[in-house]
Amino acid sequence: MSRLDNSIAGTHLGKKSEYAEVYDPSLLVAVPRKPNRDNINVDCNNTPWKYAYDVWNCYEISSLLNNGQPFSGVGKIVYDGNTECIVESKSLKLYLNSFNQTRTKASSILEAYEELKSIIERDLSKLLNTVVRINISDSRFGQDYMNQADYFTYGNGSLISFTNIDQIINTETYTQYHENPDLLQVTGWLGKDNSRIHTSNLFSRCQITNQPDHGDLFITYSVEDKYIGLGAISKYIASIRGHSCFHEPTVETIFKHLYDKLNPNRLMVCAFYTRRGGISIAPIRSTHEELIPYNVINHRIPHVKLPRE
């Protein structure tokens, strides 16, 4: 892979930052997707996935009512995963925190949520040149942690049950911790249609700081007359530990490797990264819309945290 130009992405990342005391949209930084996609031979105008979403769960939104009373909330941001740019995570953190000492025009918390929602949607939509949706709800709105293997729901409300690779693979020997798609060994199969639904812990590294990024990875695919064994999938995921890239292109890398190896009829890859700076990121890439977890991409449905979030 070629060396990426991180000058834009490094505007805030890896640097000591002063937190703004008042609302400041100039803190937002847009980072082009194209360089990372070029690195995995993906044409931005002809991606192997047809549907793409980036979901950002923001746990530290706070501001002031018009009387100066502080309030807080939890935000869920959803936007198209095929925009020209992504919003850089630390810039979004700094931007959201710039509301901390900003007085809204609202006299109630619910009114304030709507005011912040309107401002944030406007700023991010302008930055990314797409429609961005956000919902803000009470941070005290409690939800029990969900089991990794029973998390997603389809649009009709039925549950998607995943096989947790980490709980059943304990006989393999792992030696490679740098991205290696050759570990995805395809196995022949007598069955005509082979569908697989997997979840596993994920570990990659930040493109700028090289800090570890933990997450939960979800993969579902359908393919004829071949499949990739659980051991091979597990070893490949382990090799991602040395992969230095942002969350969105890391998911795209995994998608592209599986797509190239399997030529699947259907494929969906999604990862929920551990919260950092009050934000957890969940990129989703899919060949078919019906594979995408409805509860995740609907900005009006409050996010139910996984244990690692």
C-alpha atoms as a PDB file:
ATOM      1  CA  MET A   1       0.000   0.000   0.000  1.00  0.00           C
ATOM      2  CA  SER A   2       1.145   3.530  -0.716  1.00  0.00           C
ATOM      3  CA  ARG A   3       1.820   6.028   2.060  1.00  0.00           C
ATOM      4  CA  LEU A   4      -1.215   8.215   2.703  1.00  0.00           C
ATOM      5  CA  ASP A   5      -1.134  11.993   2.946  1.00  0.00           C
ATOM      6  CA  ASN A   6      -2.426  12.655   6.438  1.00  0.00           C
ATOM      7  CA  SER A   7      -2.059  16.440   6.415  1.00  0.00           C
ATOM      8  CA  ILE A   8      -5.831  17.071   6.394  1.00  0.00           C
ATOM      9  CA  ALA A   9      -6.724  14.273   8.781  1.00  0.00           C
ATOM     10  CA  GLY A  10      -4.003  15.448  11.162  1.00  0.00           C
ATOM     11  CA  THR A  11      -5.496  18.919  11.619  1.00  0.00           C
ATOM     12  CA  HIS A  12      -6.474  17.983  15.190  1.00  0.00           C
ATOM     13  CA  LEU A  13      -5.478  14.324  15.582  1.00  0.00           C
ATOM     14  CA  GLY A  14      -2.222  13.700  17.394  1.00  0.00           C
ATOM     15  CA  LYS A  15      -2.059  17.287  18.646  1.00  0.00           C
ATOM     16  CA  LYS A  16      -2.834  19.007  21.924  1.00  0.00           C
ATOM     17  CA  SER A  17      -6.175  20.742  21.543  1.00  0.00           C
ATOM     18  CA  GLU A  18      -7.824  23.631  23.340  1.00  0.00           C
ATOM     19  CA  TYR A  19     -11.556  23.159  23.835  1.00  0.00           C
ATOM     20  CA  ALA A  20     -13.705  25.981  22.514  1.00  0.00           C
ATOM     21  CA  GLU A  21     -16.058  27.608  25.001  1.00  0.00           C
ATOM     22  CA  VAL A  22     -18.639  28.652  22.409  1.00  0.00           C
ATOM     23  CA  TYR A  23     -20.160  27.103  19.297  1.00  0.00           C
ATOM     24  CA  ASP A  24     -17.585  26.896  16.490  1.00  0.00           C
ATOM     25  CA  PRO A  25     -18.410  25.035  13.232  1.00  0.00           C
ATOM     26  CA  SER A  26     -14.961  25.873  11.829  1.00  0.00           C
ATOM     27  CA  LEU A  27     -13.580  23.059  14.002  1.00  0.00           C
ATOM     28  CA  LEU A  28     -15.088  20.448  11.665  1.00  0.00           C
ATOM     29  CA  VAL A  29     -12.680  18.757   9.255  1.00  0.00           C
ATOM     30  CA  ALA A  30     -13.697  16.779   6.149  1.00  0.00           C
ATOM     31  CA  VAL A  31     -11.316  13.992   5.078  1.00  0.00           C
ATOM     32  CA  PRO A  32     -11.540  12.612   1.495  1.00  0.00           C
ATOM     33  CA  ARG A  33     -12.362   8.906   1.169  1.00  0.00           C
ATOM     34  CA  LYS A  34     -10.609   8.507  -2.186  1.00  0.00           C
ATOM     35  CA  PRO A  35      -6.972   7.991  -1.015  1.00  0.00           C
ATOM     36  CA  ASN A  36      -7.928   5.087   1.271  1.00  0.00           C
ATOM     37  CA  ARG A  37     -10.139   3.556  -1.420  1.00  0.00           C
ATOM     38  CA  ASP A  38      -7.388   3.897  -4.002  1.00  0.00           C
ATOM     39  CA  ASN A  39      -5.193   1.903  -1.617  1.00  0.00           C
ATOM     40  CA  ILE A  40      -7.566  -1.089  -1.820  1.00  0.00           C
ATOM     41  CA  ASN A  41      -8.337  -0.635  -5.527  1.00  0.00           C
ATOM     42  CA  VAL A  42     -11.902   0.574  -5.034  1.00  0.00           C
ATOM     43  CA  ASP A  43     -13.298   3.038  -7.545  1.00  0.00           C
ATOM     44  CA  CYS A  44     -15.346   5.675  -5.690  1.00  0.00           C
ATOM     45  CA  ASN A  45     -17.735   5.768  -8.651  1.00  0.00           C
ATOM     46  CA  ASN A  46     -18.120   1.987  -8.830  1.00  0.00           C
ATOM     47  CA  THR A  47     -17.825   0.471  -5.359  1.00  0.00           C
ATOM     48  CA  PRO A  48     -18.406  -3.265  -4.756  1.00  0.00           C
ATOM     49  CA  TRP A  49     -21.015  -2.334  -2.135  1.00  0.00           C
ATOM     50  CA  LYS A  50     -24.283  -0.769  -3.239  1.00  0.00           C
ATOM     51  CA  TYR A  51     -25.390   0.488   0.178  1.00  0.00           C
ATOM     52  CA  ALA A  52     -23.164   2.311   2.648  1.00  0.00           C
ATOM     53  CA  TYR A  53     -23.864   4.141   5.890  1.00  0.00           C
ATOM     54  CA  ASP A  54     -21.698   5.747   8.524  1.00  0.00           C
ATOM     55  CA  VAL A  55     -23.322   5.824  11.955  1.00  0.00           C
ATOM     56  CA  TRP A  56     -21.855   7.919  14.762  1.00  0.00           C
ATOM     57  CA  ASN A  57     -23.165   7.503  18.322  1.00  0.00           C
ATOM     58  CA  CYS A  58     -22.259  10.576  20.352  1.00  0.00           C
ATOM     59  CA  TYR A  59     -22.494  10.134  24.106  1.00  0.00           C
ATOM     60  CA  GLU A  60     -21.284  13.542  25.246  1.00  0.00           C
ATOM     61  CA  ILE A  61     -23.562  16.269  23.888  1.00  0.00           C
ATOM     62  CA  SER A  62     -24.154  19.125  26.322  1.00  0.00           C
ATOM     63  CA  SER A  63     -25.216  22.767  26.216  1.00  0.00           C
ATOM     64  CA  LEU A  64     -27.128  25.445  28.146  1.00  0.00           C
ATOM     65  CA  LEU A  65     -30.776  26.467  28.152  1.00  0.00           C
ATOM     66  CA  ASN A  66     -31.571  30.140  27.642  1.00  0.00           C
ATOM     67  CA  ASN A  67     -31.483  30.617  31.420  1.00  0.00           C
ATOM     68  CA  GLY A  68     -27.998  29.147  31.638  1.00  0.00           C
ATOM     69  CA  GLN A  69     -29.096  25.758  32.988  1.00  0.00           C
ATOM     70  CA  PRO A  70     -26.824  22.939  31.719  1.00  0.00           C
ATOM     71  CA  PHE A  71     -28.302  19.855  30.066  1.00  0.00           C
ATOM     72  CA  SER A  72     -26.912  16.853  28.230  1.00  0.00           C
ATOM     73  CA  GLY A  73     -28.029  14.235  25.741  1.00  0.00           C
ATOM     74  CA  VAL A  74     -26.978  11.373  23.500  1.00  0.00           C
ATOM     75  CA  GLY A  75     -26.886  11.850  19.741  1.00  0.00           C
ATOM     76  CA  LYS A  76     -27.109   9.402  16.845  1.00  0.00           C
ATOM     77  CA  ILE A  77     -25.778  10.677  13.507  1.00  0.00           C
ATOM     78  CA  VAL A  78     -26.383   8.823  10.227  1.00  0.00           C
ATOM     79  CA  TYR A  79     -25.135   9.756   6.777  1.00  0.00           C
ATOM     80  CA  ASP A  80     -24.328   8.250   3.387  1.00  0.00           C
ATOM     81  CA  GLY A  81     -21.169   6.127   3.382  1.00  0.00           C
ATOM     82  CA  ASN A  82     -20.381   7.054  -0.215  1.00  0.00           C
ATOM     83  CA  THR A  83     -19.944  10.771   0.275  1.00  0.00           C
ATOM     84  CA  GLU A  84     -16.749  12.313  -1.050  1.00  0.00           C
ATOM     85  CA  CYS A  85     -15.524  12.891   2.506  1.00  0.00           C
ATOM     86  CA  ILE A  86     -15.956  11.663   6.057  1.00  0.00           C
ATOM     87  CA  VAL A  87     -15.961  13.906   9.092  1.00  0.00           C
ATOM     88  CA  GLU A  88     -12.754  13.433  11.076  1.00  0.00           C
ATOM     89  CA  SER A  89     -13.632  12.074  14.530  1.00  0.00           C
ATOM     90  CA  LYS A  90     -11.611  14.392  16.767  1.00  0.00           C
ATOM     91  CA  SER A  91     -12.881  17.422  14.864  1.00  0.00           C
ATOM     92  CA  LEU A  92     -16.450  16.262  15.509  1.00  0.00           C
ATOM     93  CA  LYS A  93     -15.602  15.794  19.194  1.00  0.00           C
ATOM     94  CA  LEU A  94     -14.194  19.330  19.438  1.00  0.00           C
ATOM     95  CA  TYR A  95     -17.155  20.718  17.504  1.00  0.00           C
ATOM     96  CA  LEU A  96     -19.743  19.022  19.739  1.00  0.00           C
ATOM     97  CA  ASN A  97     -17.903  20.179  22.836  1.00  0.00           C
ATOM     98  CA  SER A  98     -18.018  23.759  21.567  1.00  0.00           C
ATOM     99  CA  PHE A  99     -21.711  23.696  22.501  1.00  0.00           C
ATOM    100  CA  ASN A 100     -20.883  23.065  26.163  1.00  0.00           C
ATOM    101  CA  GLN A 101     -21.004  26.716  27.257  1.00  0.00           C
ATOM    102  CA  THR A 102     -23.250  27.952  24.438  1.00  0.00           C
ATOM    103  CA  ARG A 103     -26.709  29.206  25.425  1.00  0.00           C
ATOM    104  CA  THR A 104     -29.503  27.931  23.243  1.00  0.00           C
ATOM    105  CA  LYS A 105     -32.701  29.877  22.642  1.00  0.00           C
ATOM    106  CA  ALA A 106     -34.703  27.082  24.257  1.00  0.00           C
ATOM    107  CA  SER A 107     -36.474  27.168  27.606  1.00  0.00           C
ATOM    108  CA  SER A 108     -36.863  23.374  27.851  1.00  0.00           C
ATOM    109  CA  ILE A 109     -34.535  20.465  27.230  1.00  0.00           C
ATOM    110  CA  LEU A 110     -36.725  18.963  24.500  1.00  0.00           C
ATOM    111  CA  GLU A 111     -36.777  22.307  22.672  1.00  0.00           C
ATOM    112  CA  ALA A 112     -33.004  22.511  23.073  1.00  0.00           C
ATOM    113  CA  TYR A 113     -32.550  19.051  21.580  1.00  0.00           C
ATOM    114  CA  GLU A 114     -34.442  20.217  18.480  1.00  0.00           C
ATOM    115  CA  GLU A 115     -32.381  23.395  18.256  1.00  0.00           C
ATOM    116  CA  LEU A 116     -29.066  21.528  18.487  1.00  0.00           C
ATOM    117  CA  LYS A 117     -30.337  18.916  16.044  1.00  0.00           C
ATOM    118  CA  SER A 118     -31.114  21.613  13.470  1.00  0.00           C
ATOM    119  CA  ILE A 119     -27.699  23.269  13.873  1.00  0.00           C
ATOM    120  CA  ILE A 120     -25.689  20.043  13.770  1.00  0.00           C
ATOM    121  CA  GLU A 121     -27.584  18.663  10.771  1.00  0.00           C
ATOM    122  CA  ARG A 122     -27.022  21.933   8.908  1.00  0.00           C
ATOM    123  CA  ASP A 123     -23.292  22.112   9.663  1.00  0.00           C
ATOM    124  CA  LEU A 124     -22.531  18.473   8.880  1.00  0.00           C
ATOM    125  CA  SER A 125     -24.697  18.445   5.753  1.00  0.00           C
ATOM    126  CA  LYS A 126     -22.784  21.479   4.487  1.00  0.00           C
ATOM    127  CA  LEU A 127     -19.422  19.940   5.380  1.00  0.00           C
ATOM    128  CA  LEU A 128     -20.133  16.592   3.710  1.00  0.00           C
ATOM    129  CA  ASN A 129     -22.360  17.849   0.907  1.00  0.00           C
ATOM    130  CA  THR A 130     -25.064  15.334   1.734  1.00  0.00           C
ATOM    131  CA  VAL A 131     -28.136  14.972   3.930  1.00  0.00           C
ATOM    132  CA  VAL A 132     -27.053  14.235   7.507  1.00  0.00           C
ATOM    133  CA  ARG A 133     -29.610  13.147  10.091  1.00  0.00           C
ATOM    134  CA  ILE A 134     -29.232  13.302  13.857  1.00  0.00           C
ATOM    135  CA  ASN A 135     -31.490  12.476  16.764  1.00  0.00           C
ATOM    136  CA  ILE A 136     -30.739  13.616  20.310  1.00  0.00           C
ATOM    137  CA  SER A 137     -32.315  11.893  23.290  1.00  0.00           C
ATOM    138  CA  ASP A 138     -32.031  12.001  27.060  1.00  0.00           C
ATOM    139  CA  SER A 139     -28.687  10.579  28.196  1.00  0.00           C
ATOM    140  CA  ARG A 140     -30.539   8.967  31.118  1.00  0.00           C
ATOM    141  CA  PHE A 141     -32.572   6.893  28.680  1.00  0.00           C
ATOM    142  CA  GLY A 142     -31.305   3.489  29.803  1.00  0.00           C
ATOM    143  CA  GLN A 143     -30.906   0.400  27.666  1.00  0.00           C
ATOM    144  CA  ASP A 144     -29.473  -2.896  28.795  1.00  0.00           C
ATOM    145  CA  TYR A 145     -26.338  -4.081  27.096  1.00  0.00           C
ATOM    146  CA  MET A 146     -27.023  -6.441  24.224  1.00  0.00           C
ATOM    147  CA  ASN A 147     -25.351  -9.752  23.510  1.00  0.00           C
ATOM    148  CA  GLN A 148     -23.090  -9.593  20.456  1.00  0.00           C
ATOM    149  CA  ALA A 149     -24.723 -12.659  18.955  1.00  0.00           C
ATOM    150  CA  ASP A 150     -28.287 -11.274  19.128  1.00  0.00           C
ATOM    151  CA  TYR A 151     -28.050  -7.631  18.236  1.00  0.00           C
ATOM    152  CA  PHE A 152     -29.340  -6.608  14.812  1.00  0.00           C
ATOM    153  CA  THR A 153     -32.945  -6.457  13.677  1.00  0.00           C
ATOM    154  CA  TYR A 154     -34.325  -6.333  10.160  1.00  0.00           C
ATOM    155  CA  GLY A 155     -36.883  -3.766   9.062  1.00  0.00           C
ATOM    156  CA  ASN A 156     -39.706  -6.196   9.883  1.00  0.00           C
ATOM    157  CA  GLY A 157     -38.489  -6.538  13.466  1.00  0.00           C
ATOM    158  CA  SER A 158     -37.030 -10.050  13.184  1.00  0.00           C
ATOM    159  CA  LEU A 159     -33.742 -10.660  14.957  1.00  0.00           C
ATOM    160  CA  ILE A 160     -30.448 -11.408  13.212  1.00  0.00           C
ATOM    161  CA  SER A 161     -28.580 -14.065  15.206  1.00  0.00           C
ATOM    162  CA  PHE A 162     -24.803 -14.154  14.733  1.00  0.00           C
ATOM    163  CA  THR A 163     -22.273 -16.898  15.399  1.00  0.00           C
ATOM    164  CA  ASN A 164     -19.566 -15.477  17.661  1.00  0.00           C
ATOM    165  CA  ILE A 165     -16.278 -16.707  16.195  1.00  0.00           C
ATOM    166  CA  ASP A 166     -14.292 -15.750  19.284  1.00  0.00           C
ATOM    167  CA  GLN A 167     -16.303 -18.123  21.464  1.00  0.00           C
ATOM    168  CA  ILE A 168     -15.819 -21.200  19.268  1.00  0.00           C
ATOM    169  CA  ILE A 169     -12.305 -20.859  17.822  1.00  0.00           C
ATOM    170  CA  ASN A 170      -9.634 -21.983  20.262  1.00  0.00           C
ATOM    171  CA  THR A 171      -7.648 -24.603  18.366  1.00  0.00           C
ATOM    172  CA  GLU A 172      -5.985 -22.375  15.752  1.00  0.00           C
ATOM    173  CA  THR A 173      -2.410 -21.071  15.888  1.00  0.00           C
ATOM    174  CA  TYR A 174      -2.134 -17.335  15.227  1.00  0.00           C
ATOM    175  CA  THR A 175       1.127 -15.853  13.967  1.00  0.00           C
ATOM    176  CA  GLN A 176       0.213 -13.015  11.568  1.00  0.00           C
ATOM    177  CA  TYR A 177      -0.861  -9.618  12.814  1.00  0.00           C
ATOM    178  CA  HIS A 178      -0.445  -7.501   9.704  1.00  0.00           C
ATOM    179  CA  GLU A 179      -3.264  -7.273   7.192  1.00  0.00           C
ATOM    180  CA  ASN A 180      -3.162 -10.394   5.024  1.00  0.00           C
ATOM    181  CA  PRO A 181      -6.100 -11.300   2.751  1.00  0.00           C
ATOM    182  CA  ASP A 182      -4.291 -14.509   1.740  1.00  0.00           C
ATOM    183  CA  LEU A 183      -5.428 -15.926   5.076  1.00  0.00           C
ATOM    184  CA  LEU A 184      -8.961 -16.027   3.645  1.00  0.00           C
ATOM    185  CA  GLN A 185      -8.691 -19.535   2.268  1.00  0.00           C
ATOM    186  CA  VAL A 186     -11.769 -20.484   0.252  1.00  0.00           C
ATOM    187  CA  THR A 187     -13.112 -23.998   0.812  1.00  0.00           C
ATOM    188  CA  GLY A 188     -15.271 -25.980  -1.587  1.00  0.00           C
ATOM    189  CA  TRP A 189     -18.718 -27.037  -0.439  1.00  0.00           C
ATOM    190  CA  LEU A 190     -21.310 -29.454  -1.764  1.00  0.00           C
ATOM    191  CA  GLY A 191     -24.234 -27.250  -0.874  1.00  0.00           C
ATOM    192  CA  LYS A 192     -25.527 -24.841  -3.499  1.00  0.00           C
ATOM    193  CA  ASP A 193     -26.120 -21.840  -1.225  1.00  0.00           C
ATOM    194  CA  ASN A 194     -23.848 -21.203   1.726  1.00  0.00           C
ATOM    195  CA  SER A 195     -24.879 -18.406   4.058  1.00  0.00           C
ATOM    196  CA  ARG A 196     -22.664 -17.365   6.944  1.00  0.00           C
ATOM    197  CA  ILE A 197     -23.287 -14.864   9.733  1.00  0.00           C
ATOM    198  CA  HIS A 198     -20.334 -14.109  11.998  1.00  0.00           C
ATOM    199  CA  THR A 199     -19.295 -11.719  14.733  1.00  0.00           C
ATOM    200  CA  SER A 200     -15.859 -11.232  16.242  1.00  0.00           C
ATOM    201  CA  ASN A 201     -13.803  -8.743  18.213  1.00  0.00           C
ATOM    202  CA  LEU A 202     -11.839  -6.372  16.005  1.00  0.00           C
ATOM    203  CA  PHE A 203      -8.590  -4.529  16.623  1.00  0.00           C
ATOM    204  CA  SER A 204      -6.996  -2.045  14.251  1.00  0.00           C
ATOM    205  CA  ARG A 205      -4.904   1.110  14.603  1.00  0.00           C
ATOM    206  CA  CYS A 206      -5.531   4.800  14.083  1.00  0.00           C
ATOM    207  CA  GLN A 207      -4.165   6.084  10.778  1.00  0.00           C
ATOM    208  CA  ILE A 208      -2.592   9.144  12.435  1.00  0.00           C
ATOM    209  CA  THR A 209      -1.702   8.268  16.031  1.00  0.00           C
ATOM    210  CA  ASN A 210      -1.331   4.481  15.616  1.00  0.00           C
ATOM    211  CA  GLN A 211      -3.328   4.068  18.816  1.00  0.00           C
ATOM    212  CA  PRO A 212      -5.311   0.824  19.113  1.00  0.00           C
ATOM    213  CA  ASP A 213      -8.961   0.899  18.037  1.00  0.00           C
ATOM    214  CA  HIS A 214     -11.171  -1.867  19.449  1.00  0.00           C
ATOM    215  CA  GLY A 215     -14.534  -2.845  18.059  1.00  0.00           C
ATOM    216  CA  ASP A 216     -17.104  -5.530  17.332  1.00  0.00           C
ATOM    217  CA  LEU A 217     -17.197  -6.820  13.771  1.00  0.00           C
ATOM    218  CA  PHE A 218     -20.281  -8.289  12.059  1.00  0.00           C
ATOM    219  CA  ILE A 219     -20.133 -10.161   8.730  1.00  0.00           C
ATOM    220  CA  THR A 220     -22.896 -11.842   6.772  1.00  0.00           C
ATOM    221  CA  TYR A 221     -22.561 -13.333   3.304  1.00  0.00           C
ATOM    222  CA  SER A 222     -24.220 -15.729   0.903  1.00  0.00           C
ATOM    223  CA  VAL A 223     -22.278 -17.557  -1.798  1.00  0.00           C
ATOM    224  CA  GLU A 224     -22.658 -20.660  -3.924  1.00  0.00           C
ATOM    225  CA  ASP A 225     -20.479 -23.804  -3.735  1.00  0.00           C
ATOM    226  CA  LYS A 226     -17.762 -22.320  -1.504  1.00  0.00           C
ATOM    227  CA  TYR A 227     -17.170 -20.666   1.820  1.00  0.00           C
ATOM    228  CA  ILE A 228     -14.391 -19.529   4.151  1.00  0.00           C
ATOM    229  CA  GLY A 229     -13.875 -21.618   7.267  1.00  0.00           C
ATOM    230  CA  LEU A 230     -14.209 -20.089  10.720  1.00  0.00           C
ATOM    231  CA  GLY A 231     -10.517 -20.609  11.436  1.00  0.00           C
ATOM    232  CA  ALA A 232      -9.510 -18.754   8.277  1.00  0.00           C
ATOM    233  CA  ILE A 233     -11.917 -15.900   9.003  1.00  0.00           C
ATOM    234  CA  SER A 234     -10.611 -15.682  12.559  1.00  0.00           C
ATOM    235  CA  LYS A 235      -6.952 -15.587  11.457  1.00  0.00           C
ATOM    236  CA  TYR A 236      -7.727 -12.913   8.882  1.00  0.00           C
ATOM    237  CA  ILE A 237      -9.476 -10.736  11.465  1.00  0.00           C
ATOM    238  CA  ALA A 238      -6.467 -11.156  13.751  1.00  0.00           C
ATOM    239  CA  SER A 239      -4.220  -9.904  10.936  1.00  0.00           C
ATOM    240  CA  ILE A 240      -6.153  -6.627  10.904  1.00  0.00           C
ATOM    241  CA  ARG A 241      -4.551  -5.795  14.269  1.00  0.00           C
ATOM    242  CA  GLY A 242      -1.637  -4.249  12.383  1.00  0.00           C
ATOM    243  CA  HIS A 243      -3.859  -2.338   9.949  1.00  0.00           C
ATOM    244  CA  SER A 244      -3.499   1.436  10.382  1.00  0.00           C
ATOM    245  CA  CYS A 245      -6.553   3.171   8.969  1.00  0.00           C
ATOM    246  CA  PHE A 246      -9.677   5.023  10.007  1.00  0.00           C
ATOM    247  CA  HIS A 247     -12.742   3.027  10.979  1.00  0.00           C
ATOM    248  CA  GLU A 248     -14.629   3.518   7.721  1.00  0.00           C
ATOM    249  CA  PRO A 249     -11.817   2.390   5.356  1.00  0.00           C
ATOM    250  CA  THR A 250     -10.979  -0.517   7.670  1.00  0.00           C
ATOM    251  CA  VAL A 251     -14.505  -1.865   7.171  1.00  0.00           C
ATOM    252  CA  GLU A 252     -14.173  -1.209   3.439  1.00  0.00           C
ATOM    253  CA  THR A 253     -10.875  -3.118   3.372  1.00  0.00           C
ATOM    254  CA  ILE A 254     -12.489  -6.152   5.017  1.00  0.00           C
ATOM    255  CA  PHE A 255     -15.463  -5.921   2.648  1.00  0.00           C
ATOM    256  CA  LYS A 256     -13.213  -5.690  -0.422  1.00  0.00           C
ATOM    257  CA  HIS A 257     -11.059  -8.665   0.623  1.00  0.00           C
ATOM    258  CA  LEU A 258     -14.116 -10.857   1.235  1.00  0.00           C
ATOM    259  CA  TYR A 259     -15.740  -9.655  -1.975  1.00  0.00           C
ATOM    260  CA  ASP A 260     -12.638 -10.473  -4.038  1.00  0.00           C
ATOM    261  CA  LYS A 261     -12.198 -13.894  -2.444  1.00  0.00           C
ATOM    262  CA  LEU A 262     -15.809 -15.061  -2.539  1.00  0.00           C
ATOM    263  CA  ASN A 263     -17.532 -13.127  -5.320  1.00  0.00           C
ATOM    264  CA  PRO A 264     -20.610 -13.418  -3.075  1.00  0.00           C
ATOM    265  CA  ASN A 265     -24.241 -13.080  -3.994  1.00  0.00           C
ATOM    266  CA  ARG A 266     -24.732 -10.994  -0.873  1.00  0.00           C
ATOM    267  CA  LEU A 267     -22.302  -9.443   1.592  1.00  0.00           C
ATOM    268  CA  MET A 268     -22.595  -7.076   4.552  1.00  0.00           C
ATOM    269  CA  VAL A 269     -19.767  -5.898   6.815  1.00  0.00           C
ATOM    270  CA  CYS A 270     -20.351  -3.684   9.832  1.00  0.00           C
ATOM    271  CA  ALA A 271     -18.176  -2.719  12.798  1.00  0.00           C
ATOM    272  CA  PHE A 272     -19.014  -0.988  16.058  1.00  0.00           C
ATOM    273  CA  TYR A 273     -15.900   0.680  17.342  1.00  0.00           C
ATOM    274  CA  THR A 274     -15.352   1.324  21.032  1.00  0.00           C
ATOM    275  CA  ARG A 275     -16.235   4.801  22.189  1.00  0.00           C
ATOM    276  CA  ARG A 276     -13.362   7.282  22.148  1.00  0.00           C
ATOM    277  CA  GLY A 277     -13.777  10.956  22.919  1.00  0.00           C
ATOM    278  CA  GLY A 278     -17.462  10.342  23.593  1.00  0.00           C
ATOM    279  CA  ILE A 279     -18.108   8.975  20.083  1.00  0.00           C
ATOM    280  CA  SER A 280     -18.453   5.437  18.780  1.00  0.00           C
ATOM    281  CA  ILE A 281     -18.419   4.888  15.010  1.00  0.00           C
ATOM    282  CA  ALA A 282     -20.278   2.153  13.128  1.00  0.00           C
ATOM    283  CA  PRO A 283     -19.519   1.957   9.382  1.00  0.00           C
ATOM    284  CA  ILE A 284     -21.762  -0.358   7.329  1.00  0.00           C
ATOM    285  CA  ARG A 285     -21.160  -1.586   3.779  1.00  0.00           C
ATOM    286  CA  SER A 286     -23.561  -3.947   2.010  1.00  0.00           C
ATOM    287  CA  THR A 287     -24.467  -5.297  -1.413  1.00  0.00           C
ATOM    288  CA  HIS A 288     -28.159  -5.499  -0.446  1.00  0.00           C
ATOM    289  CA  GLU A 289     -30.317  -3.140   1.560  1.00  0.00           C
ATOM    290  CA  GLU A 290     -32.185  -5.931   3.340  1.00  0.00           C
ATOM    291  CA  LEU A 291     -28.948  -7.115   4.975  1.00  0.00           C
ATOM    292  CA  ILE A 292     -28.488  -3.795   6.748  1.00  0.00           C
ATOM    293  CA  PRO A 293     -29.644  -3.712  10.393  1.00  0.00           C
ATOM    294  CA  TYR A 294     -32.610  -1.375  10.435  1.00  0.00           C
ATOM    295  CA  ASN A 295     -32.249  -0.459  14.100  1.00  0.00           C
ATOM    296  CA  VAL A 296     -28.692   0.740  13.494  1.00  0.00           C
ATOM    297  CA  ILE A 297     -29.198   3.071  10.533  1.00  0.00           C
ATOM    298  CA  ASN A 298     -32.510   4.632  11.622  1.00  0.00           C
ATOM    299  CA  HIS A 299     -31.423   7.833  13.354  1.00  0.00           C
ATOM    300  CA  ARG A 300     -34.722   8.030  15.249  1.00  0.00           C
ATOM    301  CA  ILE A 301     -34.127   4.732  17.058  1.00  0.00           C
ATOM    302  CA  PRO A 302     -31.891   5.260  20.116  1.00  0.00           C
ATOM    303  CA  HIS A 303     -28.740   3.188  19.942  1.00  0.00           C
ATOM    304  CA  VAL A 304     -28.515   0.184  22.246  1.00  0.00           C
ATOM    305  CA  LYS A 305     -24.926  -0.051  23.382  1.00  0.00           C
ATOM    306  CA  LEU A 306     -22.871  -3.170  23.001  1.00  0.00           C
ATOM    307  CA  PRO A 307     -20.814  -4.111  26.086  1.00  0.00           C
ATOM    308  CA  ARG A 308     -17.597  -2.776  24.508  1.00  0.00           C
ATOM    309  CA  GLU A 309     -19.157   0.643  23.926  1.00  0.00           C
END
